[in-house]
């Protein structure tokens, strides 16, 4: 069991968000959190786009930490073809 957020992100092989979007949870996942993940980690967000700081997931995936992402929520829906996550090979 992780003793805190830093350990949770740093040691997880798969990290999946299951949170309600509230003022307290908006942006709860930062770019620094994502950057601390392993090169082999998978970050999954099927909850709400606003839980992750805007632009942080695309930037982190471009940098290779986490190594993979799976998303089913976007800041704009329907998703525009030019959305940065759609251009990445390490995202489903």
PDB file of N, CA and C in Angstrom:
ATOM      1  N   UNK A   1       0.839  -1.172   0.000  1.00  0.00           N
ATOM      2  CA  UNK A   1       0.000   0.000   0.000  1.00  0.00           C
ATOM      3  C   UNK A   1       0.887   1.238   0.000  1.00  0.00           C
ATOM      4  N   UNK A   2       0.524   2.208  -0.821  1.00  0.00           N
ATOM      5  CA  UNK A   2       1.287   3.456  -0.910  1.00  0.00           C
ATOM      6  C   UNK A   2       1.031   4.325   0.312  1.00  0.00           C
ATOM      7  N   UNK A   3       2.103   4.949   0.766  1.00  0.00           N
ATOM      8  CA  UNK A   3       1.984   5.822   1.942  1.00  0.00           C
ATOM      9  C   UNK A   3       1.599   7.247   1.560  1.00  0.00           C
ATOM     10  N   UNK A   4       1.599   7.544   0.289  1.00  0.00           N
ATOM     11  CA  UNK A   4       1.232   8.886  -0.149  1.00  0.00           C
ATOM     12  C   UNK A   4       1.173   8.965  -1.668  1.00  0.00           C
ATOM     13  N   UNK A   5       0.811  10.121  -2.160  1.00  0.00           N
ATOM     14  CA  UNK A   5       0.629  10.338  -3.592  1.00  0.00           C
ATOM     15  C   UNK A   5       1.935  10.120  -4.373  1.00  0.00           C
ATOM     16  N   UNK A   6       3.041  10.582  -3.850  1.00  0.00           N
ATOM     17  CA  UNK A   6       4.323  10.433  -4.533  1.00  0.00           C
ATOM     18  C   UNK A   6       4.663   8.966  -4.726  1.00  0.00           C
ATOM     19  N   UNK A   7       4.521   8.183  -3.689  1.00  0.00           N
ATOM     20  CA  UNK A   7       4.809   6.755  -3.773  1.00  0.00           C
ATOM     21  C   UNK A   7       3.808   6.058  -4.703  1.00  0.00           C
ATOM     22  N   UNK A   8       2.552   6.444  -4.636  1.00  0.00           N
ATOM     23  CA  UNK A   8       1.523   5.845  -5.477  1.00  0.00           C
ATOM     24  C   UNK A   8       1.867   6.000  -6.954  1.00  0.00           C
ATOM     25  N   UNK A   9       2.183   7.217  -7.368  1.00  0.00           N
ATOM     26  CA  UNK A   9       2.510   7.451  -8.774  1.00  0.00           C
ATOM     27  C   UNK A   9       3.849   6.819  -9.150  1.00  0.00           C
ATOM     28  N   UNK A  10       4.822   6.894  -8.275  1.00  0.00           N
ATOM     29  CA  UNK A  10       6.155   6.393  -8.577  1.00  0.00           C
ATOM     30  C   UNK A  10       6.273   4.886  -8.662  1.00  0.00           C
ATOM     31  N   UNK A  11       5.418   4.165  -7.960  1.00  0.00           N
ATOM     32  CA  UNK A  11       5.539   2.706  -7.908  1.00  0.00           C
ATOM     33  C   UNK A  11       4.458   1.944  -8.666  1.00  0.00           C
ATOM     34  N   UNK A  12       3.435   2.627  -9.136  1.00  0.00           N
ATOM     35  CA  UNK A  12       2.320   1.935  -9.800  1.00  0.00           C
ATOM     36  C   UNK A  12       2.691   1.454 -11.193  1.00  0.00           C
ATOM     37  N   UNK A  13       2.273   0.242 -11.498  1.00  0.00           N
ATOM     38  CA  UNK A  13       2.391  -0.267 -12.863  1.00  0.00           C
ATOM     39  C   UNK A  13       1.193   0.197 -13.681  1.00  0.00           C
ATOM     40  N   UNK A  14       0.028   0.233 -13.047  1.00  0.00           N
ATOM     41  CA  UNK A  14      -1.197   0.738 -13.648  1.00  0.00           C
ATOM     42  C   UNK A  14      -1.863   1.637 -12.623  1.00  0.00           C
ATOM     43  N   UNK A  15      -2.197   2.855 -13.044  1.00  0.00           N
ATOM     44  CA  UNK A  15      -2.896   3.775 -12.157  1.00  0.00           C
ATOM     45  C   UNK A  15      -4.150   4.239 -12.891  1.00  0.00           C
ATOM     46  N   UNK A  16      -5.307   3.943 -12.320  1.00  0.00           N
ATOM     47  CA  UNK A  16      -6.586   4.267 -12.934  1.00  0.00           C
ATOM     48  C   UNK A  16      -7.368   5.209 -12.032  1.00  0.00           C
ATOM     49  N   UNK A  17      -7.845   6.311 -12.605  1.00  0.00           N
ATOM     50  CA  UNK A  17      -8.620   7.287 -11.836  1.00  0.00           C
ATOM     51  C   UNK A  17     -10.081   6.877 -11.734  1.00  0.00           C
ATOM     52  N   UNK A  18     -10.616   7.013 -10.538  1.00  0.00           N
ATOM     53  CA  UNK A  18     -12.033   6.743 -10.285  1.00  0.00           C
ATOM     54  C   UNK A  18     -12.515   7.775  -9.283  1.00  0.00           C
ATOM     55  N   UNK A  19     -12.620   9.006  -9.754  1.00  0.00           N
ATOM     56  CA  UNK A  19     -13.009  10.125  -8.890  1.00  0.00           C
ATOM     57  C   UNK A  19     -14.097  10.952  -9.543  1.00  0.00           C
ATOM     58  N   UNK A  20     -14.872  11.576  -8.708  1.00  0.00           N
ATOM     59  CA  UNK A  20     -15.865  12.543  -9.139  1.00  0.00           C
ATOM     60  C   UNK A  20     -15.154  13.888  -9.316  1.00  0.00           C
ATOM     61  N   UNK A  21     -15.510  14.636 -10.345  1.00  0.00           N
ATOM     62  CA  UNK A  21     -14.923  15.958 -10.548  1.00  0.00           C
ATOM     63  C   UNK A  21     -15.648  16.969  -9.671  1.00  0.00           C
ATOM     64  N   UNK A  22     -14.910  17.513  -8.732  1.00  0.00           N
ATOM     65  CA  UNK A  22     -15.413  18.537  -7.818  1.00  0.00           C
ATOM     66  C   UNK A  22     -14.372  19.653  -7.774  1.00  0.00           C
ATOM     67  N   UNK A  23     -14.685  20.775  -7.170  1.00  0.00           N
ATOM     68  CA  UNK A  23     -13.659  21.817  -7.040  1.00  0.00           C
ATOM     69  C   UNK A  23     -12.397  21.306  -6.336  1.00  0.00           C
ATOM     70  N   UNK A  24     -12.557  20.386  -5.395  1.00  0.00           N
ATOM     71  CA  UNK A  24     -11.408  19.845  -4.655  1.00  0.00           C
ATOM     72  C   UNK A  24     -10.567  18.862  -5.480  1.00  0.00           C
ATOM     73  N   UNK A  25     -11.183  18.178  -6.442  1.00  0.00           N
ATOM     74  CA  UNK A  25     -10.445  17.179  -7.219  1.00  0.00           C
ATOM     75  C   UNK A  25      -9.981  17.709  -8.573  1.00  0.00           C
ATOM     76  N   UNK A  26     -10.442  18.876  -8.981  1.00  0.00           N
ATOM     77  CA  UNK A  26     -10.009  19.445 -10.274  1.00  0.00           C
ATOM     78  C   UNK A  26      -8.494  19.606 -10.263  1.00  0.00           C
ATOM     79  N   UNK A  27      -7.828  19.045 -11.267  1.00  0.00           N
ATOM     80  CA  UNK A  27      -6.375  19.148 -11.380  1.00  0.00           C
ATOM     81  C   UNK A  27      -5.605  18.373 -10.333  1.00  0.00           C
ATOM     82  N   UNK A  28      -6.244  17.389  -9.720  1.00  0.00           N
ATOM     83  CA  UNK A  28      -5.601  16.622  -8.638  1.00  0.00           C
ATOM     84  C   UNK A  28      -4.362  15.862  -9.137  1.00  0.00           C
ATOM     85  N   UNK A  29      -4.330  15.543 -10.436  1.00  0.00           N
ATOM     86  CA  UNK A  29      -3.160  14.891 -11.026  1.00  0.00           C
ATOM     87  C   UNK A  29      -2.361  15.954 -11.775  1.00  0.00           C
ATOM     88  N   UNK A  30      -1.135  16.163 -11.326  1.00  0.00           N
ATOM     89  CA  UNK A  30      -0.282  17.196 -11.922  1.00  0.00           C
ATOM     90  C   UNK A  30       0.698  16.595 -12.921  1.00  0.00           C
ATOM     91  N   UNK A  31       1.323  17.455 -13.673  1.00  0.00           N
ATOM     92  CA  UNK A  31       2.374  17.016 -14.581  1.00  0.00           C
ATOM     93  C   UNK A  31       3.505  16.350 -13.829  1.00  0.00           C
ATOM     94  N   UNK A  32       3.833  16.858 -12.646  1.00  0.00           N
ATOM     95  CA  UNK A  32       4.889  16.265 -11.824  1.00  0.00           C
ATOM     96  C   UNK A  32       4.506  14.851 -11.376  1.00  0.00           C
ATOM     97  N   UNK A  33       3.227  14.652 -11.049  1.00  0.00           N
ATOM     98  CA  UNK A  33       2.762  13.309 -10.673  1.00  0.00           C
ATOM     99  C   UNK A  33       2.997  12.334 -11.820  1.00  0.00           C
ATOM    100  N   UNK A  34       2.579  12.737 -13.009  1.00  0.00           N
ATOM    101  CA  UNK A  34       2.710  11.868 -14.181  1.00  0.00           C
ATOM    102  C   UNK A  34       4.175  11.627 -14.529  1.00  0.00           C
ATOM    103  N   UNK A  35       5.002  12.648 -14.413  1.00  0.00           N
ATOM    104  CA  UNK A  35       6.426  12.532 -14.732  1.00  0.00           C
ATOM    105  C   UNK A  35       7.151  11.596 -13.778  1.00  0.00           C
ATOM    106  N   UNK A  36       6.587  11.383 -12.602  1.00  0.00           N
ATOM    107  CA  UNK A  36       7.230  10.492 -11.635  1.00  0.00           C
ATOM    108  C   UNK A  36       6.904   9.020 -11.881  1.00  0.00           C
ATOM    109  N   UNK A  37       6.010   8.761 -12.829  1.00  0.00           N
ATOM    110  CA  UNK A  37       5.640   7.375 -13.119  1.00  0.00           C
ATOM    111  C   UNK A  37       6.746   6.661 -13.891  1.00  0.00           C
ATOM    112  N   UNK A  38       6.717   5.344 -13.848  1.00  0.00           N
ATOM    113  CA  UNK A  38       7.717   4.532 -14.534  1.00  0.00           C
ATOM    114  C   UNK A  38       7.517   4.578 -16.045  1.00  0.00           C
ATOM    115  N   UNK A  39       8.597   4.307 -16.768  1.00  0.00           N
ATOM    116  CA  UNK A  39       8.542   4.253 -18.231  1.00  0.00           C
ATOM    117  C   UNK A  39       7.588   3.171 -18.725  1.00  0.00           C
ATOM    118  N   UNK A  40       7.347   2.182 -17.898  1.00  0.00           N
ATOM    119  CA  UNK A  40       6.491   1.050 -18.271  1.00  0.00           C
ATOM    120  C   UNK A  40       5.069   1.172 -17.725  1.00  0.00           C
ATOM    121  N   UNK A  41       4.777   2.238 -17.012  1.00  0.00           N
ATOM    122  CA  UNK A  41       3.461   2.400 -16.374  1.00  0.00           C
ATOM    123  C   UNK A  41       2.365   2.755 -17.373  1.00  0.00           C
ATOM    124  N   UNK A  42       1.148   2.408 -16.991  1.00  0.00           N
ATOM    125  CA  UNK A  42      -0.054   2.761 -17.744  1.00  0.00           C
ATOM    126  C   UNK A  42      -0.909   3.666 -16.869  1.00  0.00           C
ATOM    127  N   UNK A  43      -1.267   4.839 -17.392  1.00  0.00           N
ATOM    128  CA  UNK A  43      -2.160   5.764 -16.701  1.00  0.00           C
ATOM    129  C   UNK A  43      -3.509   5.714 -17.402  1.00  0.00           C
ATOM    130  N   UNK A  44      -4.573   5.446 -16.651  1.00  0.00           N
ATOM    131  CA  UNK A  44      -5.915   5.299 -17.206  1.00  0.00           C
ATOM    132  C   UNK A  44      -6.830   6.373 -16.621  1.00  0.00           C
ATOM    133  N   UNK A  45      -7.522   7.098 -17.496  1.00  0.00           N
ATOM    134  CA  UNK A  45      -8.523   8.061 -17.041  1.00  0.00           C
ATOM    135  C   UNK A  45      -9.805   7.851 -17.830  1.00  0.00           C
ATOM    136  N   UNK A  46     -10.778   7.268 -17.176  1.00  0.00           N
ATOM    137  CA  UNK A  46     -12.117   7.127 -17.753  1.00  0.00           C
ATOM    138  C   UNK A  46     -13.137   7.851 -16.879  1.00  0.00           C
ATOM    139  N   UNK A  47     -12.638   8.703 -15.984  1.00  0.00           N
ATOM    140  CA  UNK A  47     -13.522   9.430 -15.061  1.00  0.00           C
ATOM    141  C   UNK A  47     -13.908  10.790 -15.625  1.00  0.00           C
ATOM    142  N   UNK A  48     -13.015  11.761 -15.495  1.00  0.00           N
ATOM    143  CA  UNK A  48     -13.255  13.128 -15.970  1.00  0.00           C
ATOM    144  C   UNK A  48     -11.926  13.736 -16.400  1.00  0.00           C
ATOM    145  N   UNK A  49     -11.940  14.453 -17.522  1.00  0.00           N
ATOM    146  CA  UNK A  49     -10.728  15.095 -18.020  1.00  0.00           C
ATOM    147  C   UNK A  49     -10.171  16.105 -17.024  1.00  0.00           C
ATOM    148  N   UNK A  50     -11.024  16.840 -16.347  1.00  0.00           N
ATOM    149  CA  UNK A  50     -10.592  17.894 -15.441  1.00  0.00           C
ATOM    150  C   UNK A  50      -9.824  17.428 -14.218  1.00  0.00           C
ATOM    151  N   UNK A  51      -9.755  16.132 -13.991  1.00  0.00           N
ATOM    152  CA  UNK A  51      -8.978  15.613 -12.857  1.00  0.00           C
ATOM    153  C   UNK A  51      -7.477  15.768 -13.096  1.00  0.00           C
ATOM    154  N   UNK A  52      -7.091  15.854 -14.364  1.00  0.00           N
ATOM    155  CA  UNK A  52      -5.681  16.001 -14.738  1.00  0.00           C
ATOM    156  C   UNK A  52      -5.464  17.441 -15.189  1.00  0.00           C
ATOM    157  N   UNK A  53      -4.371  18.043 -14.713  1.00  0.00           N
ATOM    158  CA  UNK A  53      -4.047  19.407 -15.141  1.00  0.00           C
ATOM    159  C   UNK A  53      -4.059  19.477 -16.667  1.00  0.00           C
ATOM    160  N   UNK A  54      -4.606  20.551 -17.189  1.00  0.00           N
ATOM    161  CA  UNK A  54      -4.744  20.691 -18.632  1.00  0.00           C
ATOM    162  C   UNK A  54      -3.379  20.605 -19.328  1.00  0.00           C
ATOM    163  N   UNK A  55      -3.297  19.746 -20.329  1.00  0.00           N
ATOM    164  CA  UNK A  55      -2.091  19.565 -21.114  1.00  0.00           C
ATOM    165  C   UNK A  55      -1.044  18.666 -20.483  1.00  0.00           C
ATOM    166  N   UNK A  56      -1.221  18.318 -19.211  1.00  0.00           N
ATOM    167  CA  UNK A  56      -0.198  17.541 -18.491  1.00  0.00           C
ATOM    168  C   UNK A  56      -0.066  16.117 -19.020  1.00  0.00           C
ATOM    169  N   UNK A  57      -1.166  15.482 -19.365  1.00  0.00           N
ATOM    170  CA  UNK A  57      -1.083  14.092 -19.807  1.00  0.00           C
ATOM    171  C   UNK A  57      -0.379  13.995 -21.159  1.00  0.00           C
ATOM    172  N   UNK A  58      -0.733  14.833 -22.100  1.00  0.00           N
ATOM    173  CA  UNK A  58      -0.075  14.804 -23.411  1.00  0.00           C
ATOM    174  C   UNK A  58       1.418  15.089 -23.270  1.00  0.00           C
ATOM    175  N   UNK A  59       1.771  16.055 -22.458  1.00  0.00           N
ATOM    176  CA  UNK A  59       3.184  16.397 -22.252  1.00  0.00           C
ATOM    177  C   UNK A  59       3.937  15.231 -21.615  1.00  0.00           C
ATOM    178  N   UNK A  60       3.338  14.608 -20.616  1.00  0.00           N
ATOM    179  CA  UNK A  60       3.983  13.497 -19.924  1.00  0.00           C
ATOM    180  C   UNK A  60       4.154  12.299 -20.853  1.00  0.00           C
ATOM    181  N   UNK A  61       3.133  11.989 -21.627  1.00  0.00           N
ATOM    182  CA  UNK A  61       3.218  10.856 -22.543  1.00  0.00           C
ATOM    183  C   UNK A  61       4.238  11.118 -23.648  1.00  0.00           C
ATOM    184  N   UNK A  62       4.335  12.360 -24.094  1.00  0.00           N
ATOM    185  CA  UNK A  62       5.366  12.719 -25.074  1.00  0.00           C
ATOM    186  C   UNK A  62       6.759  12.533 -24.501  1.00  0.00           C
ATOM    187  N   UNK A  63       6.909  12.772 -23.200  1.00  0.00           N
ATOM    188  CA  UNK A  63       8.196  12.616 -22.530  1.00  0.00           C
ATOM    189  C   UNK A  63       8.466  11.160 -22.135  1.00  0.00           C
ATOM    190  N   UNK A  64       7.463  10.287 -22.244  1.00  0.00           N
ATOM    191  CA  UNK A  64       7.649   8.868 -21.959  1.00  0.00           C
ATOM    192  C   UNK A  64       7.371   8.429 -20.537  1.00  0.00           C
ATOM    193  N   UNK A  65       6.846   9.320 -19.715  1.00  0.00           N
ATOM    194  CA  UNK A  65       6.496   8.983 -18.325  1.00  0.00           C
ATOM    195  C   UNK A  65       5.126   9.537 -18.013  1.00  0.00           C
ATOM    196  N   UNK A  66       4.129   8.739 -17.888  1.00  0.00           N
ATOM    197  CA  UNK A  66       4.116   7.284 -17.992  1.00  0.00           C
ATOM    198  C   UNK A  66       4.358   6.843 -19.436  1.00  0.00           C
ATOM    199  N   UNK A  67       4.654   5.574 -19.581  1.00  0.00           N
ATOM    200  CA  UNK A  67       4.936   5.050 -20.910  1.00  0.00           C
ATOM    201  C   UNK A  67       3.704   4.891 -21.773  1.00  0.00           C
ATOM    202  N   UNK A  68       2.540   4.720 -21.120  1.00  0.00           N
ATOM    203  CA  UNK A  68       1.306   4.457 -21.866  1.00  0.00           C
ATOM    204  C   UNK A  68       0.123   5.150 -21.196  1.00  0.00           C
ATOM    205  N   UNK A  69      -0.871   5.466 -22.000  1.00  0.00           N
ATOM    206  CA  UNK A  69      -2.086   6.072 -21.478  1.00  0.00           C
ATOM    207  C   UNK A  69      -3.314   5.463 -22.122  1.00  0.00           C
ATOM    208  N   UNK A  70      -4.388   5.456 -21.376  1.00  0.00           N
ATOM    209  CA  UNK A  70      -5.687   5.017 -21.879  1.00  0.00           C
ATOM    210  C   UNK A  70      -6.706   6.031 -21.384  1.00  0.00           C
ATOM    211  N   UNK A  71      -7.396   6.676 -22.308  1.00  0.00           N
ATOM    212  CA  UNK A  71      -8.355   7.716 -21.928  1.00  0.00           C
ATOM    213  C   UNK A  71      -9.671   7.536 -22.659  1.00  0.00           C
ATOM    214  N   UNK A  72     -10.722   7.901 -21.971  1.00  0.00           N
ATOM    215  CA  UNK A  72     -12.063   7.863 -22.552  1.00  0.00           C
ATOM    216  C   UNK A  72     -12.790   9.164 -22.245  1.00  0.00           C
ATOM    217  N   UNK A  73     -12.040  10.166 -21.801  1.00  0.00           N
ATOM    218  CA  UNK A  73     -12.609  11.466 -21.492  1.00  0.00           C
ATOM    219  C   UNK A  73     -11.670  12.544 -22.017  1.00  0.00           C
ATOM    220  N   UNK A  74     -12.240  13.593 -22.554  1.00  0.00           N
ATOM    221  CA  UNK A  74     -11.456  14.665 -23.158  1.00  0.00           C
ATOM    222  C   UNK A  74     -12.025  16.012 -22.734  1.00  0.00           C
ATOM    223  N   UNK A  75     -11.198  17.060 -22.874  1.00  0.00           N
ATOM    224  CA  UNK A  75     -11.643  18.398 -22.507  1.00  0.00           C
ATOM    225  C   UNK A  75     -12.721  18.911 -23.457  1.00  0.00           C
ATOM    226  N   UNK A  76     -12.708  18.431 -24.697  1.00  0.00           N
ATOM    227  CA  UNK A  76     -13.716  18.799 -25.689  1.00  0.00           C
ATOM    228  C   UNK A  76     -14.295  17.512 -26.246  1.00  0.00           C
ATOM    229  N   UNK A  77     -15.613  17.395 -26.219  1.00  0.00           N
ATOM    230  CA  UNK A  77     -16.264  16.222 -26.795  1.00  0.00           C
ATOM    231  C   UNK A  77     -17.404  16.679 -27.691  1.00  0.00           C
ATOM    232  N   UNK A  78     -17.533  16.138 -28.891  1.00  0.00           N
ATOM    233  CA  UNK A  78     -16.709  15.079 -29.456  1.00  0.00           C
ATOM    234  C   UNK A  78     -15.272  15.567 -29.660  1.00  0.00           C
ATOM    235  N   UNK A  79     -14.357  14.633 -29.648  1.00  0.00           N
ATOM    236  CA  UNK A  79     -12.933  14.931 -29.708  1.00  0.00           C
ATOM    237  C   UNK A  79     -12.557  15.434 -31.100  1.00  0.00           C
ATOM    238  N   UNK A  80     -11.936  16.616 -31.175  1.00  0.00           N
ATOM    239  CA  UNK A  80     -11.496  17.089 -32.489  1.00  0.00           C
ATOM    240  C   UNK A  80     -10.322  16.250 -33.007  1.00  0.00           C
ATOM    241  N   UNK A  81     -10.230  16.080 -34.292  1.00  0.00           N
ATOM    242  CA  UNK A  81      -9.187  15.244 -34.898  1.00  0.00           C
ATOM    243  C   UNK A  81      -7.780  15.712 -34.550  1.00  0.00           C
ATOM    244  N   UNK A  82      -7.627  16.996 -34.270  1.00  0.00           N
ATOM    245  CA  UNK A  82      -6.297  17.534 -33.977  1.00  0.00           C
ATOM    246  C   UNK A  82      -5.938  17.479 -32.488  1.00  0.00           C
ATOM    247  N   UNK A  83      -6.742  16.810 -31.676  1.00  0.00           N
ATOM    248  CA  UNK A  83      -6.447  16.701 -30.245  1.00  0.00           C
ATOM    249  C   UNK A  83      -5.084  16.035 -30.077  1.00  0.00           C
ATOM    250  N   UNK A  84      -4.201  16.594 -29.228  1.00  0.00           N
ATOM    251  CA  UNK A  84      -2.833  16.071 -29.111  1.00  0.00           C
ATOM    252  C   UNK A  84      -2.739  14.603 -28.690  1.00  0.00           C
ATOM    253  N   UNK A  85      -3.669  14.107 -27.910  1.00  0.00           N
ATOM    254  CA  UNK A  85      -3.605  12.705 -27.479  1.00  0.00           C
ATOM    255  C   UNK A  85      -3.846  11.744 -28.644  1.00  0.00           C
ATOM    256  N   UNK A  86      -4.627  12.171 -29.623  1.00  0.00           N
ATOM    257  CA  UNK A  86      -4.935  11.285 -30.748  1.00  0.00           C
ATOM    258  C   UNK A  86      -3.735  11.040 -31.650  1.00  0.00           C
ATOM    259  N   UNK A  87      -2.726  11.885 -31.577  1.00  0.00           N
ATOM    260  CA  UNK A  87      -1.536  11.746 -32.416  1.00  0.00           C
ATOM    261  C   UNK A  87      -0.465  10.849 -31.787  1.00  0.00           C
ATOM    262  N   UNK A  88      -0.666  10.438 -30.569  1.00  0.00           N
ATOM    263  CA  UNK A  88       0.354   9.666 -29.855  1.00  0.00           C
ATOM    264  C   UNK A  88       0.179   8.164 -30.054  1.00  0.00           C
ATOM    265  N   UNK A  89       1.293   7.478 -30.289  1.00  0.00           N
ATOM    266  CA  UNK A  89       1.272   6.019 -30.479  1.00  0.00           C
ATOM    267  C   UNK A  89       1.124   5.255 -29.170  1.00  0.00           C
ATOM    268  N   UNK A  90       1.390   5.912 -28.040  1.00  0.00           N
ATOM    269  CA  UNK A  90       1.335   5.231 -26.746  1.00  0.00           C
ATOM    270  C   UNK A  90       0.035   5.495 -25.986  1.00  0.00           C
ATOM    271  N   UNK A  91      -1.017   5.878 -26.711  1.00  0.00           N
ATOM    272  CA  UNK A  91      -2.319   6.175 -26.106  1.00  0.00           C
ATOM    273  C   UNK A  91      -3.416   5.382 -26.792  1.00  0.00           C
ATOM    274  N   UNK A  92      -4.311   4.824 -25.982  1.00  0.00           N
ATOM    275  CA  UNK A  92      -5.498   4.152 -26.492  1.00  0.00           C
ATOM    276  C   UNK A  92      -6.694   4.957 -26.034  1.00  0.00           C
TER     277      UNK A  92
END
